[in-house]
Amino acid sequence: SFASSPPLVVRETSGWEAPYDRVKYRLPKRDDLTPLTDPMW
């Protein structure tokens, strides 16, 4: 934040992991695997 005084930088690191099928189960459409290649999704 440019308003921080003295200047402060925040660093957050986060790691997640799950079995493939658990994520695949959350697909909006069963026959569309495209989201599985989308890092944001």
ModelCIF file with pLDDT and N, C-alpha, C, O atoms, coordinates in Angstrom:
data_MODEL
#
_entry.id   MODEL 
#
_entity.id                         1 
_entity.type                       polymer 
_entity.pdbx_number_of_molecules   1 
#
_entity_poly.entity_id                      1 
_entity_poly.type                           'polypeptide(L)' 
_entity_poly.nstd_linkage                   no 
_entity_poly.nstd_monomer                   no 
_entity_poly.pdbx_seq_one_letter_code       SFASSPPLVVRETSGWEAPYDRVKYRLPKRDDLTPLTDPMW 
_entity_poly.pdbx_seq_one_letter_code_can   SFASSPPLVVRETSGWEAPYDRVKYRLPKRDDLTPLTDPMW 
_entity_poly.pdbx_strand_id                 A 
#
loop_
_entity_poly_seq.entity_id 
_entity_poly_seq.num 
_entity_poly_seq.mon_id 
_entity_poly_seq.hetero 
1 1  SER n 
1 2  PHE n 
1 3  ALA n 
1 4  SER n 
1 5  SER n 
1 6  PRO n 
1 7  PRO n 
1 8  LEU n 
1 9  VAL n 
1 10 VAL n 
1 11 ARG n 
1 12 GLU n 
1 13 THR n 
1 14 SER n 
1 15 GLY n 
1 16 TRP n 
1 17 GLU n 
1 18 ALA n 
1 19 PRO n 
1 20 TYR n 
1 21 ASP n 
1 22 ARG n 
1 23 VAL n 
1 24 LYS n 
1 25 TYR n 
1 26 ARG n 
1 27 LEU n 
1 28 PRO n 
1 29 LYS n 
1 30 ARG n 
1 31 ASP n 
1 32 ASP n 
1 33 LEU n 
1 34 THR n 
1 35 PRO n 
1 36 LEU n 
1 37 THR n 
1 38 ASP n 
1 39 PRO n 
1 40 MET n 
1 41 TRP n 
#
_struct_asym.id          A 
_struct_asym.entity_id   1 
#
loop_
_ma_qa_metric.id 
_ma_qa_metric.mode 
_ma_qa_metric.name 
_ma_qa_metric.software_group_id 
_ma_qa_metric.type 
1 global pLDDT . pLDDT 
2 local  pLDDT . pLDDT 
#
_ma_qa_metric_global.metric_id      1 
_ma_qa_metric_global.metric_value   96.46 
_ma_qa_metric_global.model_id       1 
_ma_qa_metric_global.ordinal_id     1 
#
loop_
_ma_qa_metric_local.label_asym_id 
_ma_qa_metric_local.label_comp_id 
_ma_qa_metric_local.label_seq_id 
_ma_qa_metric_local.metric_id 
_ma_qa_metric_local.metric_value 
_ma_qa_metric_local.model_id 
_ma_qa_metric_local.ordinal_id 
A SER 1  2 97.00 1 1  
A PHE 2  2 97.00 1 2  
A ALA 3  2 96.00 1 3  
A SER 4  2 97.00 1 4  
A SER 5  2 96.00 1 5  
A PRO 6  2 95.00 1 6  
A PRO 7  2 97.00 1 7  
A LEU 8  2 98.00 1 8  
A VAL 9  2 98.00 1 9  
A VAL 10 2 98.00 1 10 
A ARG 11 2 98.00 1 11 
A GLU 12 2 98.00 1 12 
A THR 13 2 98.00 1 13 
A SER 14 2 98.00 1 14 
A GLY 15 2 98.00 1 15 
A TRP 16 2 98.00 1 16 
A GLU 17 2 98.00 1 17 
A ALA 18 2 97.00 1 18 
A PRO 19 2 96.00 1 19 
A TYR 20 2 95.00 1 20 
A ASP 21 2 95.00 1 21 
A ARG 22 2 96.00 1 22 
A VAL 23 2 97.00 1 23 
A LYS 24 2 97.00 1 24 
A TYR 25 2 96.00 1 25 
A ARG 26 2 96.00 1 26 
A LEU 27 2 97.00 1 27 
A PRO 28 2 94.00 1 28 
A LYS 29 2 94.00 1 29 
A ARG 30 2 91.00 1 30 
A ASP 31 2 92.00 1 31 
A ASP 32 2 96.00 1 32 
A LEU 33 2 95.00 1 33 
A THR 34 2 96.00 1 34 
A PRO 35 2 97.00 1 35 
A LEU 36 2 97.00 1 36 
A THR 37 2 97.00 1 37 
A ASP 38 2 97.00 1 38 
A PRO 39 2 97.00 1 39 
A MET 40 2 97.00 1 40 
A TRP 41 2 98.00 1 41 
#
loop_
_atom_site.group_PDB 
_atom_site.id 
_atom_site.type_symbol 
_atom_site.label_atom_id 
_atom_site.label_alt_id 
_atom_site.label_comp_id 
_atom_site.label_asym_id 
_atom_site.label_entity_id 
_atom_site.label_seq_id 
_atom_site.pdbx_PDB_ins_code 
_atom_site.Cartn_x 
_atom_site.Cartn_y 
_atom_site.Cartn_z 
_atom_site.occupancy 
_atom_site.B_iso_or_equiv 
_atom_site.pdbx_formal_charge 
_atom_site.auth_seq_id 
_atom_site.auth_comp_id 
_atom_site.auth_asym_id 
_atom_site.auth_atom_id 
_atom_site.pdbx_PDB_model_num 
ATOM 1   N N  . SER A 1 1  ? 0.850   -1.188  0.000   1.00 97.00 ? 1  SER A N  1 
ATOM 2   C CA . SER A 1 1  ? 0.000   0.000   0.000   1.00 97.00 ? 1  SER A CA 1 
ATOM 3   C C  . SER A 1 1  ? 0.887   1.240   0.000   1.00 97.00 ? 1  SER A C  1 
ATOM 4   O O  . SER A 1 1  ? 1.784   1.367   0.833   1.00 97.00 ? 1  SER A O  1 
ATOM 5   N N  . PHE A 1 2  ? 0.634   2.151   -0.935  1.00 97.00 ? 2  PHE A N  1 
ATOM 6   C CA . PHE A 1 2  ? 1.411   3.387   -0.983  1.00 97.00 ? 2  PHE A CA 1 
ATOM 7   C C  . PHE A 1 2  ? 1.204   4.227   0.270   1.00 97.00 ? 2  PHE A C  1 
ATOM 8   O O  . PHE A 1 2  ? 2.005   5.111   0.571   1.00 97.00 ? 2  PHE A O  1 
ATOM 9   N N  . ALA A 1 3  ? 0.125   3.946   0.998   1.00 96.00 ? 3  ALA A N  1 
ATOM 10  C CA . ALA A 1 3  ? -0.170  4.723   2.205   1.00 96.00 ? 3  ALA A CA 1 
ATOM 11  C C  . ALA A 1 3  ? 0.550   4.197   3.446   1.00 96.00 ? 3  ALA A C  1 
ATOM 12  O O  . ALA A 1 3  ? 0.545   4.856   4.485   1.00 96.00 ? 3  ALA A O  1 
ATOM 13  N N  . SER A 1 4  ? 1.155   3.044   3.351   1.00 97.00 ? 4  SER A N  1 
ATOM 14  C CA . SER A 1 4  ? 1.801   2.454   4.531   1.00 97.00 ? 4  SER A CA 1 
ATOM 15  C C  . SER A 1 4  ? 3.016   3.279   4.948   1.00 97.00 ? 4  SER A C  1 
ATOM 16  O O  . SER A 1 4  ? 3.802   3.723   4.111   1.00 97.00 ? 4  SER A O  1 
ATOM 17  N N  . SER A 1 5  ? 3.151   3.474   6.261   1.00 96.00 ? 5  SER A N  1 
ATOM 18  C CA . SER A 1 5  ? 4.259   4.261   6.794   1.00 96.00 ? 5  SER A CA 1 
ATOM 19  C C  . SER A 1 5  ? 4.714   3.680   8.127   1.00 96.00 ? 5  SER A C  1 
ATOM 20  O O  . SER A 1 5  ? 3.936   3.661   9.080   1.00 96.00 ? 5  SER A O  1 
ATOM 21  N N  . PRO A 1 6  ? 5.968   3.199   8.219   1.00 95.00 ? 6  PRO A N  1 
ATOM 22  C CA . PRO A 1 6  ? 6.937   3.108   7.128   1.00 95.00 ? 6  PRO A CA 1 
ATOM 23  C C  . PRO A 1 6  ? 6.454   2.138   6.043   1.00 95.00 ? 6  PRO A C  1 
ATOM 24  O O  . PRO A 1 6  ? 5.578   1.311   6.294   1.00 95.00 ? 6  PRO A O  1 
ATOM 25  N N  . PRO A 1 7  ? 7.025   2.242   4.845   1.00 97.00 ? 7  PRO A N  1 
ATOM 26  C CA . PRO A 1 7  ? 6.575   1.380   3.748   1.00 97.00 ? 7  PRO A CA 1 
ATOM 27  C C  . PRO A 1 7  ? 6.652   -0.101  4.133   1.00 97.00 ? 7  PRO A C  1 
ATOM 28  O O  . PRO A 1 7  ? 7.664   -0.567  4.656   1.00 97.00 ? 7  PRO A O  1 
ATOM 29  N N  . LEU A 1 8  ? 5.565   -0.831  3.864   1.00 98.00 ? 8  LEU A N  1 
ATOM 30  C CA . LEU A 1 8  ? 5.470   -2.237  4.248   1.00 98.00 ? 8  LEU A CA 1 
ATOM 31  C C  . LEU A 1 8  ? 5.071   -3.068  3.034   1.00 98.00 ? 8  LEU A C  1 
ATOM 32  O O  . LEU A 1 8  ? 4.205   -2.670  2.254   1.00 98.00 ? 8  LEU A O  1 
ATOM 33  N N  . VAL A 1 9  ? 5.708   -4.220  2.883   1.00 98.00 ? 9  VAL A N  1 
ATOM 34  C CA . VAL A 1 9  ? 5.360   -5.163  1.820   1.00 98.00 ? 9  VAL A CA 1 
ATOM 35  C C  . VAL A 1 9  ? 4.870   -6.443  2.478   1.00 98.00 ? 9  VAL A C  1 
ATOM 36  O O  . VAL A 1 9  ? 5.514   -6.965  3.388   1.00 98.00 ? 9  VAL A O  1 
ATOM 37  N N  . VAL A 1 10 ? 3.736   -6.947  2.021   1.00 98.00 ? 10 VAL A N  1 
ATOM 38  C CA . VAL A 1 10 ? 3.170   -8.198  2.534   1.00 98.00 ? 10 VAL A CA 1 
ATOM 39  C C  . VAL A 1 10 ? 3.382   -9.283  1.479   1.00 98.00 ? 10 VAL A C  1 
ATOM 40  O O  . VAL A 1 10 ? 3.094   -9.083  0.299   1.00 98.00 ? 10 VAL A O  1 
ATOM 41  N N  . ARG A 1 11 ? 3.886   -10.427 1.921   1.00 98.00 ? 11 ARG A N  1 
ATOM 42  C CA . ARG A 1 11 ? 4.073   -11.577 1.014   1.00 98.00 ? 11 ARG A CA 1 
ATOM 43  C C  . ARG A 1 11 ? 3.316   -12.777 1.569   1.00 98.00 ? 11 ARG A C  1 
ATOM 44  O O  . ARG A 1 11 ? 3.567   -13.222 2.690   1.00 98.00 ? 11 ARG A O  1 
ATOM 45  N N  . GLU A 1 12 ? 2.390   -13.293 0.774   1.00 98.00 ? 12 GLU A N  1 
ATOM 46  C CA . GLU A 1 12 ? 1.607   -14.466 1.167   1.00 98.00 ? 12 GLU A CA 1 
ATOM 47  C C  . GLU A 1 12 ? 1.887   -15.597 0.191   1.00 98.00 ? 12 GLU A C  1 
ATOM 48  O O  . GLU A 1 12 ? 1.728   -15.433 -1.018  1.00 98.00 ? 12 GLU A O  1 
ATOM 49  N N  . THR A 1 13 ? 2.305   -16.746 0.715   1.00 98.00 ? 13 THR A N  1 
ATOM 50  C CA . THR A 1 13 ? 2.507   -17.929 -0.121  1.00 98.00 ? 13 THR A CA 1 
ATOM 51  C C  . THR A 1 13 ? 1.513   -19.002 0.305   1.00 98.00 ? 13 THR A C  1 
ATOM 52  O O  . THR A 1 13 ? 1.333   -19.256 1.496   1.00 98.00 ? 13 THR A O  1 
ATOM 53  N N  . SER A 1 14 ? 0.861   -19.639 -0.688  1.00 98.00 ? 14 SER A N  1 
ATOM 54  C CA . SER A 1 14 ? -0.160  -20.638 -0.393  1.00 98.00 ? 14 SER A CA 1 
ATOM 55  C C  . SER A 1 14 ? -0.040  -21.804 -1.361  1.00 98.00 ? 14 SER A C  1 
ATOM 56  O O  . SER A 1 14 ? 0.139   -21.617 -2.565  1.00 98.00 ? 14 SER A O  1 
ATOM 57  N N  . GLY A 1 15 ? -0.142  -23.015 -0.813  1.00 98.00 ? 15 GLY A N  1 
ATOM 58  C CA . GLY A 1 15 ? -0.092  -24.207 -1.648  1.00 98.00 ? 15 GLY A CA 1 
ATOM 59  C C  . GLY A 1 15 ? -1.320  -25.078 -1.431  1.00 98.00 ? 15 GLY A C  1 
ATOM 60  O O  . GLY A 1 15 ? -1.738  -25.311 -0.297  1.00 98.00 ? 15 GLY A O  1 
ATOM 61  N N  . TRP A 1 16 ? -1.896  -25.556 -2.534  1.00 98.00 ? 16 TRP A N  1 
ATOM 62  C CA . TRP A 1 16 ? -3.052  -26.457 -2.496  1.00 98.00 ? 16 TRP A CA 1 
ATOM 63  C C  . TRP A 1 16 ? -2.773  -27.664 -3.382  1.00 98.00 ? 16 TRP A C  1 
ATOM 64  O O  . TRP A 1 16 ? -2.003  -27.582 -4.339  1.00 98.00 ? 16 TRP A O  1 
ATOM 65  N N  . GLU A 1 17 ? -3.404  -28.780 -3.053  1.00 98.00 ? 17 GLU A N  1 
ATOM 66  C CA . GLU A 1 17 ? -3.240  -30.003 -3.846  1.00 98.00 ? 17 GLU A CA 1 
ATOM 67  C C  . GLU A 1 17 ? -4.455  -30.895 -3.610  1.00 98.00 ? 17 GLU A C  1 
ATOM 68  O O  . GLU A 1 17 ? -5.010  -30.920 -2.511  1.00 98.00 ? 17 GLU A O  1 
ATOM 69  N N  . ALA A 1 18 ? -4.862  -31.622 -4.636  1.00 97.00 ? 18 ALA A N  1 
ATOM 70  C CA . ALA A 1 18 ? -5.982  -32.550 -4.488  1.00 97.00 ? 18 ALA A CA 1 
ATOM 71  C C  . ALA A 1 18 ? -5.881  -33.624 -5.558  1.00 97.00 ? 18 ALA A C  1 
ATOM 72  O O  . ALA A 1 18 ? -5.299  -33.395 -6.618  1.00 97.00 ? 18 ALA A O  1 
ATOM 73  N N  . PRO A 1 19 ? -6.450  -34.804 -5.283  1.00 96.00 ? 19 PRO A N  1 
ATOM 74  C CA . PRO A 1 19 ? -6.484  -35.852 -6.305  1.00 96.00 ? 19 PRO A CA 1 
ATOM 75  C C  . PRO A 1 19 ? -7.211  -35.369 -7.557  1.00 96.00 ? 19 PRO A C  1 
ATOM 76  O O  . PRO A 1 19 ? -8.140  -34.565 -7.478  1.00 96.00 ? 19 PRO A O  1 
ATOM 77  N N  . TYR A 1 20 ? -6.788  -35.857 -8.685  1.00 95.00 ? 20 TYR A N  1 
ATOM 78  C CA . TYR A 1 20 ? -7.334  -35.455 -9.982  1.00 95.00 ? 20 TYR A CA 1 
ATOM 79  C C  . TYR A 1 20 ? -8.853  -35.604 -10.019 1.00 95.00 ? 20 TYR A C  1 
ATOM 80  O O  . TYR A 1 20 ? -9.557  -34.679 -10.425 1.00 95.00 ? 20 TYR A O  1 
ATOM 81  N N  . ASP A 1 21 ? -9.362  -36.762 -9.597  1.00 95.00 ? 21 ASP A N  1 
ATOM 82  C CA . ASP A 1 21 ? -10.797 -37.031 -9.707  1.00 95.00 ? 21 ASP A CA 1 
ATOM 83  C C  . ASP A 1 21 ? -11.627 -36.100 -8.833  1.00 95.00 ? 21 ASP A C  1 
ATOM 84  O O  . ASP A 1 21 ? -12.767 -35.780 -9.169  1.00 95.00 ? 21 ASP A O  1 
ATOM 85  N N  . ARG A 1 22 ? -11.055 -35.664 -7.712  1.00 96.00 ? 22 ARG A N  1 
ATOM 86  C CA . ARG A 1 22 ? -11.808 -34.773 -6.820  1.00 96.00 ? 22 ARG A CA 1 
ATOM 87  C C  . ARG A 1 22 ? -12.045 -33.417 -7.488  1.00 96.00 ? 22 ARG A C  1 
ATOM 88  O O  . ARG A 1 22 ? -13.100 -32.807 -7.311  1.00 96.00 ? 22 ARG A O  1 
ATOM 89  N N  . VAL A 1 23 ? -11.059 -32.953 -8.255  1.00 97.00 ? 23 VAL A N  1 
ATOM 90  C CA . VAL A 1 23 ? -11.218 -31.700 -8.980  1.00 97.00 ? 23 VAL A CA 1 
ATOM 91  C C  . VAL A 1 23 ? -12.103 -31.908 -10.206 1.00 97.00 ? 23 VAL A C  1 
ATOM 92  O O  . VAL A 1 23 ? -12.970 -31.085 -10.500 1.00 97.00 ? 23 VAL A O  1 
ATOM 93  N N  . LYS A 1 24 ? -11.884 -32.993 -10.907 1.00 97.00 ? 24 LYS A N  1 
ATOM 94  C CA . LYS A 1 24 ? -12.681 -33.285 -12.109 1.00 97.00 ? 24 LYS A CA 1 
ATOM 95  C C  . LYS A 1 24 ? -14.170 -33.378 -11.774 1.00 97.00 ? 24 LYS A C  1 
ATOM 96  O O  . LYS A 1 24 ? -15.017 -33.014 -12.590 1.00 97.00 ? 24 LYS A O  1 
ATOM 97  N N  . TYR A 1 25 ? -14.481 -33.859 -10.592 1.00 96.00 ? 25 TYR A N  1 
ATOM 98  C CA . TYR A 1 25 ? -15.869 -34.008 -10.159 1.00 96.00 ? 25 TYR A CA 1 
ATOM 99  C C  . TYR A 1 25 ? -16.588 -32.657 -10.117 1.00 96.00 ? 25 TYR A C  1 
ATOM 100 O O  . TYR A 1 25 ? -17.815 -32.601 -10.204 1.00 96.00 ? 25 TYR A O  1 
ATOM 101 N N  . ARG A 1 26 ? -15.816 -31.561 -9.984  1.00 96.00 ? 26 ARG A N  1 
ATOM 102 C CA . ARG A 1 26 ? -16.405 -30.225 -9.866  1.00 96.00 ? 26 ARG A CA 1 
ATOM 103 C C  . ARG A 1 26 ? -16.636 -29.561 -11.220 1.00 96.00 ? 26 ARG A C  1 
ATOM 104 O O  . ARG A 1 26 ? -17.030 -28.396 -11.271 1.00 96.00 ? 26 ARG A O  1 
ATOM 105 N N  . LEU A 1 27 ? -16.401 -30.269 -12.304 1.00 97.00 ? 27 LEU A N  1 
ATOM 106 C CA . LEU A 1 27 ? -16.625 -29.691 -13.629 1.00 97.00 ? 27 LEU A CA 1 
ATOM 107 C C  . LEU A 1 27 ? -18.076 -29.243 -13.798 1.00 97.00 ? 27 LEU A C  1 
ATOM 108 O O  . LEU A 1 27 ? -18.991 -29.965 -13.401 1.00 97.00 ? 27 LEU A O  1 
ATOM 109 N N  . PRO A 1 28 ? -18.299 -28.064 -14.380 1.00 94.00 ? 28 PRO A N  1 
ATOM 110 C CA . PRO A 1 28 ? -19.673 -27.596 -14.603 1.00 94.00 ? 28 PRO A CA 1 
ATOM 111 C C  . PRO A 1 28 ? -20.440 -28.511 -15.554 1.00 94.00 ? 28 PRO A C  1 
ATOM 112 O O  . PRO A 1 28 ? -21.635 -28.746 -15.374 1.00 94.00 ? 28 PRO A O  1 
ATOM 113 N N  . LYS A 1 29 ? -19.738 -29.029 -16.572 1.00 94.00 ? 29 LYS A N  1 
ATOM 114 C CA . LYS A 1 29 ? -20.346 -29.937 -17.542 1.00 94.00 ? 29 LYS A CA 1 
ATOM 115 C C  . LYS A 1 29 ? -19.468 -31.176 -17.655 1.00 94.00 ? 29 LYS A C  1 
ATOM 116 O O  . LYS A 1 29 ? -18.271 -31.069 -17.924 1.00 94.00 ? 29 LYS A O  1 
ATOM 117 N N  . ARG A 1 30 ? -20.054 -32.342 -17.451 1.00 91.00 ? 30 ARG A N  1 
ATOM 118 C CA . ARG A 1 30 ? -19.282 -33.581 -17.416 1.00 91.00 ? 30 ARG A CA 1 
ATOM 119 C C  . ARG A 1 30 ? -18.531 -33.853 -18.711 1.00 91.00 ? 30 ARG A C  1 
ATOM 120 O O  . ARG A 1 30 ? -17.454 -34.448 -18.698 1.00 91.00 ? 30 ARG A O  1 
ATOM 121 N N  . ASP A 1 31 ? -19.112 -33.408 -19.845 1.00 92.00 ? 31 ASP A N  1 
ATOM 122 C CA . ASP A 1 31 ? -18.507 -33.728 -21.128 1.00 92.00 ? 31 ASP A CA 1 
ATOM 123 C C  . ASP A 1 31 ? -17.574 -32.626 -21.631 1.00 92.00 ? 31 ASP A C  1 
ATOM 124 O O  . ASP A 1 31 ? -17.075 -32.708 -22.753 1.00 92.00 ? 31 ASP A O  1 
ATOM 125 N N  . ASP A 1 32 ? -17.336 -31.611 -20.826 1.00 96.00 ? 32 ASP A N  1 
ATOM 126 C CA . ASP A 1 32 ? -16.427 -30.530 -21.203 1.00 96.00 ? 32 ASP A CA 1 
ATOM 127 C C  . ASP A 1 32 ? -15.266 -30.479 -20.216 1.00 96.00 ? 32 ASP A C  1 
ATOM 128 O O  . ASP A 1 32 ? -15.417 -30.018 -19.084 1.00 96.00 ? 32 ASP A O  1 
ATOM 129 N N  . LEU A 1 33 ? -14.099 -30.962 -20.661 1.00 95.00 ? 33 LEU A N  1 
ATOM 130 C CA . LEU A 1 33 ? -12.924 -31.031 -19.791 1.00 95.00 ? 33 LEU A CA 1 
ATOM 131 C C  . LEU A 1 33 ? -12.061 -29.777 -19.875 1.00 95.00 ? 33 LEU A C  1 
ATOM 132 O O  . LEU A 1 33 ? -11.013 -29.702 -19.235 1.00 95.00 ? 33 LEU A O  1 
ATOM 133 N N  . THR A 1 34 ? -12.492 -28.801 -20.655 1.00 96.00 ? 34 THR A N  1 
ATOM 134 C CA . THR A 1 34 ? -11.680 -27.595 -20.870 1.00 96.00 ? 34 THR A CA 1 
ATOM 135 C C  . THR A 1 34 ? -11.245 -26.913 -19.575 1.00 96.00 ? 34 THR A C  1 
ATOM 136 O O  . THR A 1 34 ? -10.091 -26.494 -19.486 1.00 96.00 ? 34 THR A O  1 
ATOM 137 N N  . PRO A 1 35 ? -12.116 -26.780 -18.559 1.00 97.00 ? 35 PRO A N  1 
ATOM 138 C CA . PRO A 1 35 ? -11.676 -26.114 -17.325 1.00 97.00 ? 35 PRO A CA 1 
ATOM 139 C C  . PRO A 1 35 ? -10.458 -26.768 -16.668 1.00 97.00 ? 35 PRO A C  1 
ATOM 140 O O  . PRO A 1 35 ? -9.726  -26.104 -15.933 1.00 97.00 ? 35 PRO A O  1 
ATOM 141 N N  . LEU A 1 36 ? -10.234 -28.042 -16.921 1.00 97.00 ? 36 LEU A N  1 
ATOM 142 C CA . LEU A 1 36 ? -9.101  -28.735 -16.298 1.00 97.00 ? 36 LEU A CA 1 
ATOM 143 C C  . LEU A 1 36 ? -7.761  -28.226 -16.810 1.00 97.00 ? 36 LEU A C  1 
ATOM 144 O O  . LEU A 1 36 ? -6.714  -28.569 -16.262 1.00 97.00 ? 36 LEU A O  1 
ATOM 145 N N  . THR A 1 37 ? -7.791  -27.407 -17.865 1.00 97.00 ? 37 THR A N  1 
ATOM 146 C CA . THR A 1 37 ? -6.556  -26.814 -18.391 1.00 97.00 ? 37 THR A CA 1 
ATOM 147 C C  . THR A 1 37 ? -6.448  -25.331 -18.052 1.00 97.00 ? 37 THR A C  1 
ATOM 148 O O  . THR A 1 37 ? -5.521  -24.660 -18.504 1.00 97.00 ? 37 THR A O  1 
ATOM 149 N N  . ASP A 1 38 ? -7.385  -24.816 -17.262 1.00 97.00 ? 38 ASP A N  1 
ATOM 150 C CA . ASP A 1 38 ? -7.434  -23.396 -16.922 1.00 97.00 ? 38 ASP A CA 1 
ATOM 151 C C  . ASP A 1 38 ? -6.885  -23.172 -15.510 1.00 97.00 ? 38 ASP A C  1 
ATOM 152 O O  . ASP A 1 38 ? -7.536  -23.547 -14.535 1.00 97.00 ? 38 ASP A O  1 
ATOM 153 N N  . PRO A 1 39 ? -5.693  -22.563 -15.383 1.00 97.00 ? 39 PRO A N  1 
ATOM 154 C CA . PRO A 1 39 ? -5.109  -22.363 -14.051 1.00 97.00 ? 39 PRO A CA 1 
ATOM 155 C C  . PRO A 1 39 ? -6.010  -21.594 -13.095 1.00 97.00 ? 39 PRO A C  1 
ATOM 156 O O  . PRO A 1 39 ? -6.020  -21.875 -11.897 1.00 97.00 ? 39 PRO A O  1 
ATOM 157 N N  . MET A 1 40 ? -6.770  -20.622 -13.611 1.00 97.00 ? 40 MET A N  1 
ATOM 158 C CA . MET A 1 40 ? -7.641  -19.845 -12.730 1.00 97.00 ? 40 MET A CA 1 
ATOM 159 C C  . MET A 1 40 ? -8.771  -20.711 -12.178 1.00 97.00 ? 40 MET A C  1 
ATOM 160 O O  . MET A 1 40 ? -9.112  -20.619 -10.999 1.00 97.00 ? 40 MET A O  1 
ATOM 161 N N  . TRP A 1 41 ? -9.346  -21.547 -13.031 1.00 98.00 ? 41 TRP A N  1 
ATOM 162 C CA . TRP A 1 41 ? -10.420 -22.432 -12.575 1.00 98.00 ? 41 TRP A CA 1 
ATOM 163 C C  . TRP A 1 41 ? -9.869  -23.470 -11.597 1.00 98.00 ? 41 TRP A C  1 
ATOM 164 O O  . TRP A 1 41 ? -10.620 -24.309 -11.099 1.00 98.00 ? 41 TRP A O  1 
#
